[in-house]
Protein backbone atom coordinates (compact mmCIF):
# COMPACT_ATOMS: atom_id res chain seq x y z
CA MET A 1 -119.52 -95.73 -28.91
CA LYS A 2 -119.77 -91.74 -29.27
CA PHE A 3 -117.53 -89.50 -30.83
CA GLY A 4 -115.96 -86.11 -29.67
CA ILE A 5 -113.32 -83.93 -31.26
CA PHE A 6 -110.83 -82.28 -28.66
CA TYR A 7 -109.07 -78.52 -28.94
CA GLU A 8 -105.75 -77.70 -27.10
CA LEU A 9 -105.22 -75.06 -29.91
CA GLN A 10 -101.67 -75.55 -31.02
CA LEU A 11 -99.66 -73.21 -32.66
CA PRO A 12 -96.10 -73.88 -33.25
CA ARG A 13 -93.55 -71.41 -33.72
CA PRO A 14 -92.79 -69.03 -35.68
CA TRP A 15 -96.01 -66.96 -35.43
CA GLY A 16 -97.56 -64.70 -38.24
CA PRO A 17 -99.72 -61.66 -37.76
CA ASN A 18 -102.72 -63.57 -38.16
CA ASP A 19 -102.21 -66.91 -36.61
CA GLU A 20 -104.10 -66.95 -33.85
CA LEU A 21 -106.97 -65.24 -35.58
CA ASN A 22 -107.01 -68.09 -38.08
CA LEU A 23 -106.45 -70.67 -35.31
CA TYR A 24 -109.64 -69.59 -33.55
CA GLN A 25 -111.92 -69.25 -36.57
CA ASN A 26 -110.64 -72.29 -38.37
CA ALA A 27 -111.54 -74.41 -35.17
CA LEU A 28 -114.93 -72.99 -34.91
CA SER A 29 -115.08 -73.81 -38.45
CA GLN A 30 -114.54 -77.58 -37.66
CA VAL A 31 -116.85 -77.82 -34.79
CA GLU A 32 -119.73 -76.22 -37.03
CA LEU A 33 -118.82 -79.18 -39.73
CA ALA A 34 -118.59 -81.81 -36.98
CA ASP A 35 -121.86 -80.68 -35.61
CA LYS A 36 -123.30 -81.33 -39.32
CA LEU A 37 -121.38 -84.44 -39.45
CA GLY A 38 -123.09 -85.99 -36.36
CA TYR A 39 -120.48 -85.88 -33.58
CA ASP A 40 -121.46 -85.88 -30.34
CA TYR A 41 -118.95 -83.65 -28.44
CA ALA A 42 -116.53 -81.01 -28.86
CA TRP A 43 -114.10 -80.56 -25.91
CA GLU A 44 -112.01 -77.87 -25.39
CA VAL A 45 -109.18 -77.48 -22.89
CA GLU A 46 -108.26 -74.69 -20.46
CA HIS A 47 -104.26 -73.72 -20.42
CA HIS A 48 -102.71 -70.81 -19.37
CA PHE A 49 -99.01 -69.76 -20.53
CA LEU A 50 -98.02 -72.83 -22.69
CA GLU A 51 -96.60 -71.19 -25.78
CA GLU A 52 -97.01 -73.44 -29.02
CA TYR A 53 -98.78 -76.18 -26.71
CA SER A 54 -102.09 -74.42 -25.93
CA HIS A 55 -103.35 -70.96 -26.44
CA SER A 56 -106.87 -71.84 -25.08
CA PRO A 57 -106.95 -69.60 -21.52
CA GLN A 58 -110.87 -69.07 -22.17
CA PRO A 59 -112.61 -71.93 -23.23
CA GLU A 60 -115.84 -70.75 -22.25
CA VAL A 61 -115.60 -67.95 -25.10
CA PHE A 62 -114.71 -70.38 -27.78
CA LEU A 63 -117.51 -72.67 -26.54
CA ALA A 64 -119.93 -70.06 -26.62
CA ALA A 65 -118.81 -68.91 -29.99
CA ALA A 66 -119.23 -72.38 -31.15
CA SER A 67 -122.53 -72.69 -29.51
CA GLN A 68 -124.16 -70.37 -31.82
CA ARG A 69 -122.65 -72.12 -35.15
CA THR A 70 -124.13 -75.48 -34.01
CA LYS A 71 -127.22 -77.18 -32.99
CA ASN A 72 -127.09 -80.52 -31.44
CA ILE A 73 -123.30 -81.12 -30.60
CA ARG A 74 -122.68 -81.25 -26.72
CA LEU A 75 -120.21 -78.55 -25.51
CA GLY A 76 -117.57 -79.82 -23.28
CA HIS A 77 -114.97 -78.10 -21.10
CA GLY A 78 -112.23 -80.17 -20.93
CA ILE A 79 -111.28 -78.75 -18.33
CA ILE A 80 -111.90 -75.99 -16.56
CA GLN A 81 -108.83 -75.49 -14.07
CA LEU A 82 -110.57 -75.50 -10.52
CA PRO A 83 -107.45 -74.13 -8.55
CA SER A 84 -107.01 -71.45 -11.11
CA ASN A 85 -110.56 -70.11 -10.56
CA HIS A 86 -113.21 -69.09 -7.81
CA PRO A 87 -115.49 -71.54 -7.34
CA ALA A 88 -118.40 -68.81 -8.28
CA ARG A 89 -116.88 -67.59 -11.27
CA VAL A 90 -116.96 -71.27 -12.29
CA ALA A 91 -120.54 -72.08 -11.33
CA GLU A 92 -121.45 -68.69 -13.21
CA LYS A 93 -119.43 -69.60 -16.63
CA VAL A 94 -121.00 -72.95 -16.71
CA ALA A 95 -124.52 -71.81 -16.28
CA CYS A 96 -124.30 -69.21 -18.76
CA LEU A 97 -122.67 -71.48 -21.47
CA ASP A 98 -125.79 -73.66 -20.64
CA LEU A 99 -128.23 -71.04 -21.15
CA VAL A 100 -126.43 -69.77 -24.43
CA SER A 101 -126.38 -73.39 -25.84
CA ASN A 102 -129.84 -74.47 -25.06
CA GLY A 103 -128.53 -77.33 -22.05
CA ARG A 104 -125.46 -78.31 -24.12
CA VAL A 105 -122.76 -78.39 -21.56
CA GLU A 106 -120.46 -80.81 -20.19
CA PHE A 107 -118.69 -79.78 -17.08
CA GLY A 108 -115.29 -81.15 -16.95
CA MET A 109 -112.97 -80.21 -13.93
CA GLY A 110 -109.44 -80.81 -13.24
CA GLU A 111 -106.28 -79.76 -11.37
CA GLY A 112 -103.70 -78.40 -13.60
CA ALA A 113 -100.36 -79.81 -14.02
CA SER A 114 -97.56 -77.51 -14.28
CA ILE A 115 -95.82 -74.89 -11.98
CA THR A 116 -96.03 -72.68 -15.09
CA GLU A 117 -99.68 -72.67 -14.80
CA LEU A 118 -100.49 -72.65 -11.24
CA GLY A 119 -97.75 -70.56 -9.78
CA PRO A 120 -99.46 -66.97 -11.06
CA PHE A 121 -102.45 -68.24 -9.48
CA ASP A 122 -100.60 -68.80 -5.82
CA ARG A 123 -101.17 -72.40 -6.50
CA ASP A 124 -98.87 -75.27 -5.95
CA LEU A 125 -98.42 -78.71 -7.04
CA GLU A 126 -98.49 -80.52 -3.95
CA THR A 127 -101.91 -79.11 -2.83
CA LYS A 128 -103.71 -78.79 -6.27
CA ARG A 129 -105.60 -82.36 -5.69
CA GLU A 130 -107.25 -80.76 -1.85
CA VAL A 131 -108.00 -77.56 -3.65
CA TRP A 132 -109.63 -79.39 -6.52
CA GLU A 133 -111.59 -81.18 -4.13
CA ASP A 134 -112.62 -78.16 -1.70
CA ALA A 135 -113.76 -76.17 -5.25
CA VAL A 136 -115.86 -79.07 -5.89
CA ARG A 137 -117.75 -79.33 -2.80
CA CYS A 138 -117.88 -75.26 -2.76
CA ILE A 139 -119.38 -75.20 -6.67
CA MET A 140 -122.05 -77.73 -6.44
CA PRO A 141 -124.46 -76.09 -4.31
CA MET A 142 -124.29 -72.96 -6.05
CA PHE A 143 -125.97 -74.69 -9.24
CA THR A 144 -129.02 -75.17 -7.41
CA LYS A 145 -129.45 -72.97 -4.04
CA GLU A 146 -130.86 -69.32 -3.73
CA GLY A 147 -128.55 -69.09 -0.88
CA TRP A 148 -125.31 -70.85 -0.63
CA GLU A 149 -122.15 -69.78 1.87
CA TYR A 150 -119.00 -72.02 2.37
CA ASP A 151 -116.30 -71.98 4.72
CA GLY A 152 -113.74 -74.52 3.43
CA PRO A 153 -109.93 -74.94 3.85
CA HIS A 154 -109.05 -73.16 0.29
CA PHE A 155 -112.14 -71.59 -0.25
CA LYS A 156 -114.59 -69.01 1.67
CA PHE A 157 -117.70 -67.40 0.29
CA PRO A 158 -120.24 -65.68 1.92
CA LEU A 159 -124.02 -66.28 1.66
CA ARG A 160 -125.40 -65.07 -1.95
CA ASN A 161 -127.36 -66.27 -4.62
CA VAL A 162 -125.01 -67.26 -7.69
CA LEU A 163 -126.67 -66.62 -10.93
CA PRO A 164 -127.77 -67.56 -13.60
CA LYS A 165 -128.63 -71.31 -12.68
CA PRO A 166 -128.14 -73.64 -15.73
CA VAL A 167 -130.66 -74.90 -18.04
CA GLN A 168 -129.71 -78.60 -17.01
CA LYS A 169 -130.86 -79.78 -13.57
CA PRO A 170 -129.54 -79.92 -11.25
CA HIS A 171 -126.26 -79.08 -13.14
CA PRO A 172 -124.56 -80.20 -16.43
CA PRO A 173 -122.82 -83.77 -16.56
CA LEU A 174 -119.37 -83.93 -14.73
CA TRP A 175 -116.29 -85.18 -15.92
CA VAL A 176 -112.85 -84.95 -14.37
CA ALA A 177 -109.51 -85.16 -16.27
CA CYS A 178 -107.52 -88.25 -15.78
CA SER A 179 -104.03 -87.58 -16.84
CA GLN A 180 -102.60 -90.13 -14.90
CA LEU A 181 -104.25 -93.61 -14.95
CA GLU A 182 -104.67 -94.04 -11.19
CA THR A 183 -107.14 -90.93 -11.22
CA ILE A 184 -109.42 -93.23 -13.63
CA GLU A 185 -110.21 -95.26 -10.64
CA MET A 186 -110.56 -91.92 -8.63
CA ALA A 187 -113.03 -90.84 -10.93
CA GLY A 188 -115.33 -93.69 -10.50
CA ARG A 189 -115.22 -93.46 -6.61
CA ARG A 190 -116.10 -89.69 -6.94
CA GLY A 191 -119.18 -90.75 -9.05
CA ILE A 192 -117.64 -88.38 -12.28
CA GLY A 193 -117.17 -89.20 -15.73
CA ALA A 194 -113.65 -89.72 -16.58
CA LEU A 195 -111.70 -88.24 -19.50
CA GLY A 196 -108.38 -90.03 -20.16
CA PHE A 197 -105.87 -90.13 -22.52
CA GLN A 198 -105.76 -93.15 -24.81
CA PHE A 199 -104.71 -96.56 -23.83
CA LEU A 200 -101.73 -98.62 -25.15
CA SER A 201 -103.70 -101.65 -25.78
CA ALA A 202 -107.48 -103.07 -25.56
CA ASP A 203 -106.03 -104.96 -22.49
CA MET A 204 -105.14 -102.18 -20.70
CA ALA A 205 -108.86 -100.33 -21.89
CA HIS A 206 -110.38 -103.45 -20.43
CA ALA A 207 -108.70 -103.42 -17.26
CA TRP A 208 -109.22 -99.41 -16.57
CA VAL A 209 -112.67 -99.78 -17.60
CA HIS A 210 -113.45 -102.51 -14.90
CA ALA A 211 -111.55 -100.58 -12.52
CA TYR A 212 -113.75 -97.36 -13.21
CA TYR A 213 -116.93 -99.17 -13.20
CA ASN A 214 -116.41 -100.99 -9.83
CA SER A 215 -115.50 -98.18 -8.30
CA PHE A 216 -118.36 -96.43 -9.38
CA VAL A 217 -120.91 -99.01 -8.50
CA LYS A 218 -119.13 -100.46 -5.42
CA ARG A 219 -117.11 -97.93 -3.67
CA GLN A 220 -118.75 -94.73 -4.69
CA GLU A 221 -118.07 -91.40 -2.47
CA LYS A 222 -119.03 -88.47 -3.49
CA LEU A 223 -117.59 -85.21 -2.60
CA ALA A 224 -120.64 -83.18 -2.39
CA ASP A 225 -124.26 -83.65 -3.27
CA TYR A 226 -124.25 -83.99 -6.80
CA GLN A 227 -125.91 -86.05 -9.87
CA SER A 228 -123.31 -89.02 -10.84
CA ASN A 229 -122.31 -89.12 -14.42
CA CYS A 230 -121.03 -92.68 -15.41
CA ASN A 231 -119.24 -92.32 -18.45
CA ILE A 232 -115.50 -92.86 -19.44
CA ALA A 233 -113.78 -91.19 -22.76
CA MET A 234 -110.68 -91.95 -24.30
CA VAL A 235 -108.70 -88.84 -26.00
CA SER A 236 -106.98 -90.60 -28.94
CA TYR A 237 -104.56 -89.04 -31.66
CA PHE A 238 -106.58 -89.14 -34.68
CA MET A 239 -106.04 -88.72 -38.81
CA CYS A 240 -108.24 -90.38 -41.12
CA ALA A 241 -107.47 -90.69 -44.67
CA GLU A 242 -107.94 -92.86 -47.88
CA THR A 243 -104.59 -94.85 -47.21
CA ASP A 244 -102.46 -95.31 -44.07
CA GLU A 245 -99.68 -93.48 -45.64
CA GLU A 246 -101.42 -90.61 -46.81
CA ALA A 247 -103.23 -90.55 -42.91
CA ARG A 248 -99.43 -90.52 -41.60
CA ARG A 249 -98.24 -87.74 -43.81
CA ARG A 250 -101.04 -85.27 -42.69
CA ALA A 251 -100.86 -86.20 -39.14
CA GLU A 252 -97.56 -84.82 -38.45
CA GLY A 253 -98.59 -82.61 -35.88
CA VAL A 254 -99.49 -85.65 -33.56
CA THR A 255 -95.97 -86.44 -32.99
CA PHE A 256 -95.37 -82.61 -32.17
CA PHE A 257 -98.13 -83.24 -29.53
CA GLN A 258 -96.78 -85.76 -28.09
CA PHE A 259 -93.09 -84.56 -28.00
CA SER A 260 -94.51 -81.15 -26.18
CA LEU A 261 -95.82 -83.50 -23.58
CA ALA A 262 -92.76 -85.39 -23.05
CA TYR A 263 -90.15 -82.46 -23.54
CA TYR A 264 -91.38 -81.06 -20.34
CA SER A 265 -92.47 -84.22 -18.17
CA GLY A 266 -88.49 -84.27 -16.82
CA SER A 267 -88.39 -80.87 -15.49
CA LYS A 268 -89.34 -80.11 -11.70
CA GLY A 269 -93.24 -79.07 -11.55
CA ARG A 270 -93.27 -79.57 -15.39
CA LYS A 271 -91.98 -75.96 -15.70
CA ARG A 272 -92.23 -74.18 -19.15
CA ALA A 273 -89.25 -72.30 -20.45
CA ASP A 274 -89.30 -68.62 -19.95
CA PRO A 275 -91.16 -66.69 -22.16
CA GLY A 276 -89.61 -66.31 -25.71
CA THR A 277 -86.22 -68.26 -24.57
CA VAL A 278 -87.20 -72.13 -26.80
CA SER A 279 -89.05 -72.52 -30.22
CA LEU A 280 -90.73 -76.10 -29.03
CA TRP A 281 -91.48 -76.60 -33.11
CA ASP A 282 -87.61 -76.15 -33.35
CA GLU A 283 -86.64 -78.52 -30.52
CA TYR A 284 -89.23 -81.01 -31.82
CA MET A 285 -87.81 -80.69 -35.65
CA ALA A 286 -84.35 -81.63 -33.94
CA TRP A 287 -85.47 -84.33 -32.10
CA LYS A 288 -87.20 -85.96 -35.38
CA LYS A 289 -84.16 -85.45 -36.95
CA ALA A 290 -82.24 -87.36 -34.43
CA ASN A 291 -84.90 -90.12 -34.35
CA PRO A 292 -86.68 -91.10 -37.19
CA GLU A 293 -87.59 -94.27 -36.36
CA ALA A 294 -89.30 -93.24 -33.21
CA ALA A 295 -91.21 -90.45 -34.93
CA GLU A 296 -92.25 -92.72 -37.65
CA LYS A 297 -93.44 -95.31 -35.15
CA ALA A 298 -95.28 -92.78 -33.19
CA LEU A 299 -97.50 -92.28 -36.24
CA ARG A 300 -98.63 -95.92 -36.17
CA GLY A 301 -100.50 -95.43 -32.74
CA GLY A 302 -103.68 -93.95 -32.19
CA LEU A 303 -106.51 -93.80 -34.48
CA ILE A 304 -104.51 -92.83 -37.45
CA GLY A 305 -104.94 -94.30 -40.75
CA SER A 306 -107.57 -95.59 -43.53
CA PRO A 307 -111.05 -96.09 -42.54
CA GLU A 308 -110.43 -99.89 -42.66
CA THR A 309 -107.44 -99.50 -40.33
CA ILE A 310 -109.09 -97.34 -37.66
CA ARG A 311 -112.30 -99.37 -38.00
CA LYS A 312 -110.11 -102.19 -36.88
CA LYS A 313 -108.69 -100.54 -33.96
CA LEU A 314 -112.14 -99.32 -32.78
CA ARG A 315 -113.48 -102.77 -32.70
CA ARG A 316 -111.14 -103.65 -30.14
CA PHE A 317 -111.92 -100.90 -27.69
CA LYS A 318 -115.50 -101.24 -28.46
CA GLU A 319 -115.04 -104.77 -26.47
CA SER A 320 -113.42 -102.78 -23.40
CA LYS A 321 -116.72 -101.16 -23.02
CA VAL A 322 -115.21 -97.60 -23.32
CA ASP A 323 -118.12 -94.95 -23.48
CA SER A 324 -116.88 -92.25 -26.12
CA ILE A 325 -113.70 -91.86 -28.23
CA ILE A 326 -112.50 -88.08 -28.52
CA LEU A 327 -110.68 -87.42 -31.48
CA LEU A 328 -107.43 -85.15 -30.92
CA ASN A 329 -106.93 -84.07 -34.90
CA GLN A 330 -105.59 -80.28 -34.58
CA ALA A 331 -102.14 -80.69 -32.89
CA GLY A 332 -98.88 -78.96 -34.64
CA ARG A 333 -99.09 -77.72 -37.94
CA ASN A 334 -102.16 -80.28 -39.21
CA THR A 335 -103.88 -78.05 -41.62
CA HIS A 336 -107.60 -77.24 -41.47
CA GLU A 337 -108.34 -78.78 -45.01
CA HIS A 338 -106.89 -82.14 -43.71
CA ILE A 339 -108.57 -81.78 -40.31
CA CYS A 340 -112.19 -81.01 -42.38
CA GLU A 341 -111.61 -84.19 -44.48
CA SER A 342 -110.36 -86.51 -41.83
CA LEU A 343 -113.74 -85.53 -40.34
CA GLU A 344 -115.70 -86.13 -43.20
CA LEU A 345 -114.45 -89.28 -44.18
CA PHE A 346 -114.37 -90.78 -40.78
CA ALA A 347 -118.03 -89.63 -40.08
CA LYS A 348 -118.95 -91.45 -43.66
CA GLU A 349 -116.92 -94.59 -43.48
CA VAL A 350 -116.54 -95.42 -39.75
CA MET A 351 -118.55 -93.80 -37.19
CA PRO A 352 -121.94 -95.11 -38.07
CA GLU A 353 -121.05 -98.78 -37.58
CA PHE A 354 -120.30 -97.69 -33.62
CA HIS A 355 -123.38 -95.49 -33.43
CA ALA A 356 -125.45 -98.05 -34.22
CA ASP A 357 -124.24 -100.04 -30.92
CA ILE A 358 -124.87 -97.23 -28.66
CA PRO A 359 -128.24 -98.62 -27.98
CA ALA A 360 -126.84 -102.12 -27.03
CA HIS A 361 -123.96 -100.34 -24.96
CA GLU A 362 -126.13 -98.45 -22.89
CA GLU A 363 -128.42 -101.54 -22.03
CA TRP A 364 -125.16 -103.35 -20.60
CA LYS A 365 -124.28 -100.20 -18.80
CA ARG A 366 -127.79 -100.17 -17.09
CA GLN A 367 -127.38 -103.91 -15.85
CA VAL A 368 -124.17 -103.06 -14.65
CA LEU A 369 -125.42 -99.97 -12.46
CA ALA A 370 -128.54 -102.07 -11.48
CA GLY A 371 -126.24 -105.09 -10.51
CA GLU A 372 -127.49 -107.37 -13.03
CA ILE A 373 -124.02 -107.76 -14.50
CA GLU A 374 -120.90 -107.97 -11.64
CA LEU A 375 -117.62 -107.02 -13.36
CA GLU A 376 -114.60 -109.01 -12.70
CA GLU A 377 -111.76 -107.07 -10.38
CA ILE A 378 -109.13 -106.67 -12.67
CA ASP A 379 -105.64 -106.14 -11.09
CA THR A 380 -104.52 -102.65 -12.87
CA THR A 381 -100.74 -103.13 -11.87
CA PRO A 382 -99.38 -104.25 -14.94
CA TYR A 383 -101.16 -101.63 -16.77
CA LYS A 384 -99.92 -98.72 -14.89
CA GLU A 385 -96.85 -97.22 -17.51
CA ARG A 386 -97.29 -94.48 -19.92
CA VAL A 387 -95.62 -95.14 -22.94
CA GLY A 388 -95.77 -92.68 -25.76
CA VAL A 389 -99.12 -91.29 -24.68
CA GLY A 390 -100.58 -88.72 -21.73
CA LYS A 391 -98.73 -86.88 -19.69
CA GLY A 392 -95.41 -87.50 -17.85
CA VAL A 393 -93.76 -89.56 -20.92
CA SER A 394 -90.08 -89.30 -21.01
CA ILE A 395 -89.01 -88.74 -24.77
CA ASP A 396 -87.17 -92.16 -24.75
CA LYS A 397 -90.17 -93.93 -24.25
CA LEU A 398 -91.96 -91.88 -27.24
CA VAL A 399 -93.35 -94.74 -29.03
CA ALA A 400 -96.64 -95.95 -30.25
CA ALA A 401 -99.23 -97.56 -28.71
CA GLU A 402 -100.11 -100.51 -31.13
């Protein structure tokens, strides 16, 4: 397995005058450290107007800065919201980042998930999937054609040469956000890498990985002429320390992250509160005080614990054939010091074992894609419910993945 780090750039209230500055500078230092330690990916989200939950509206700026402080780590848009961006601007920013990073970009795409974000860009929840598909069809030829025009249901583009072109040919690897489990199968069908939240169990991972690969191999229907990317990545809550108890103590921000997702999932269109009217951190602290057992149990999920505890969990997921694990460490008020120590300890004590398995995994994948191995068609119906992870989780189900 490969490993990445993941950033929402969370900043709970109350806010000091330099908090956003420190947030960005610390995150850049963490990416620089991860590069030196041998991590494979650094992923950055795009979100708009989501106070406390994410202060990351322009991931290409953050990733461009990271590109100048790193040498090897892949820089991932996780994701660009296609309904909120003009296709030509997307192609331009991805190509420019590929140039300044010397060909290290991973191009993640998504739809956006709340009316708070989509509304100001004149997009709605009902049509966001078809807008996303139309954008993909419009964008992909821009990376390769010297002249391209497009007349789709949502985007019109006159004949132009979109410049510059990316270093990676024909384009950087493609990914799609899979905030709903069913989207994993869709990603395989579209021939695109799947970026999903953590699975609750190894059995769930096994079922959905099989669904992805079978769709990729047997039922692929591309949206446009692009290079397929067969990969499935799992975002997992993360904190590594010398003991399980110390890791849980340091990882309180993880439950804030989970609570933030759950807090808005019950509102229509996942609408956020009006600016300045709610302190999400205060709401979280009140919930935690009223639900101490649920808060404590949430910290037993994900990849939170000692190196040995995390190693045991990863060995289960390795058997499911997940390609990479993306570690969500910057959450809530997790400290810069603890995040760096966690990255260092994991890289020293855990990562080498799973990096050593990459050649064997790549050979397995080659055999699957060549039809030499046929995967079982597994019914994913028993594995469709999110509990404690991902988007759309109700607060009363905020529990751990064991």
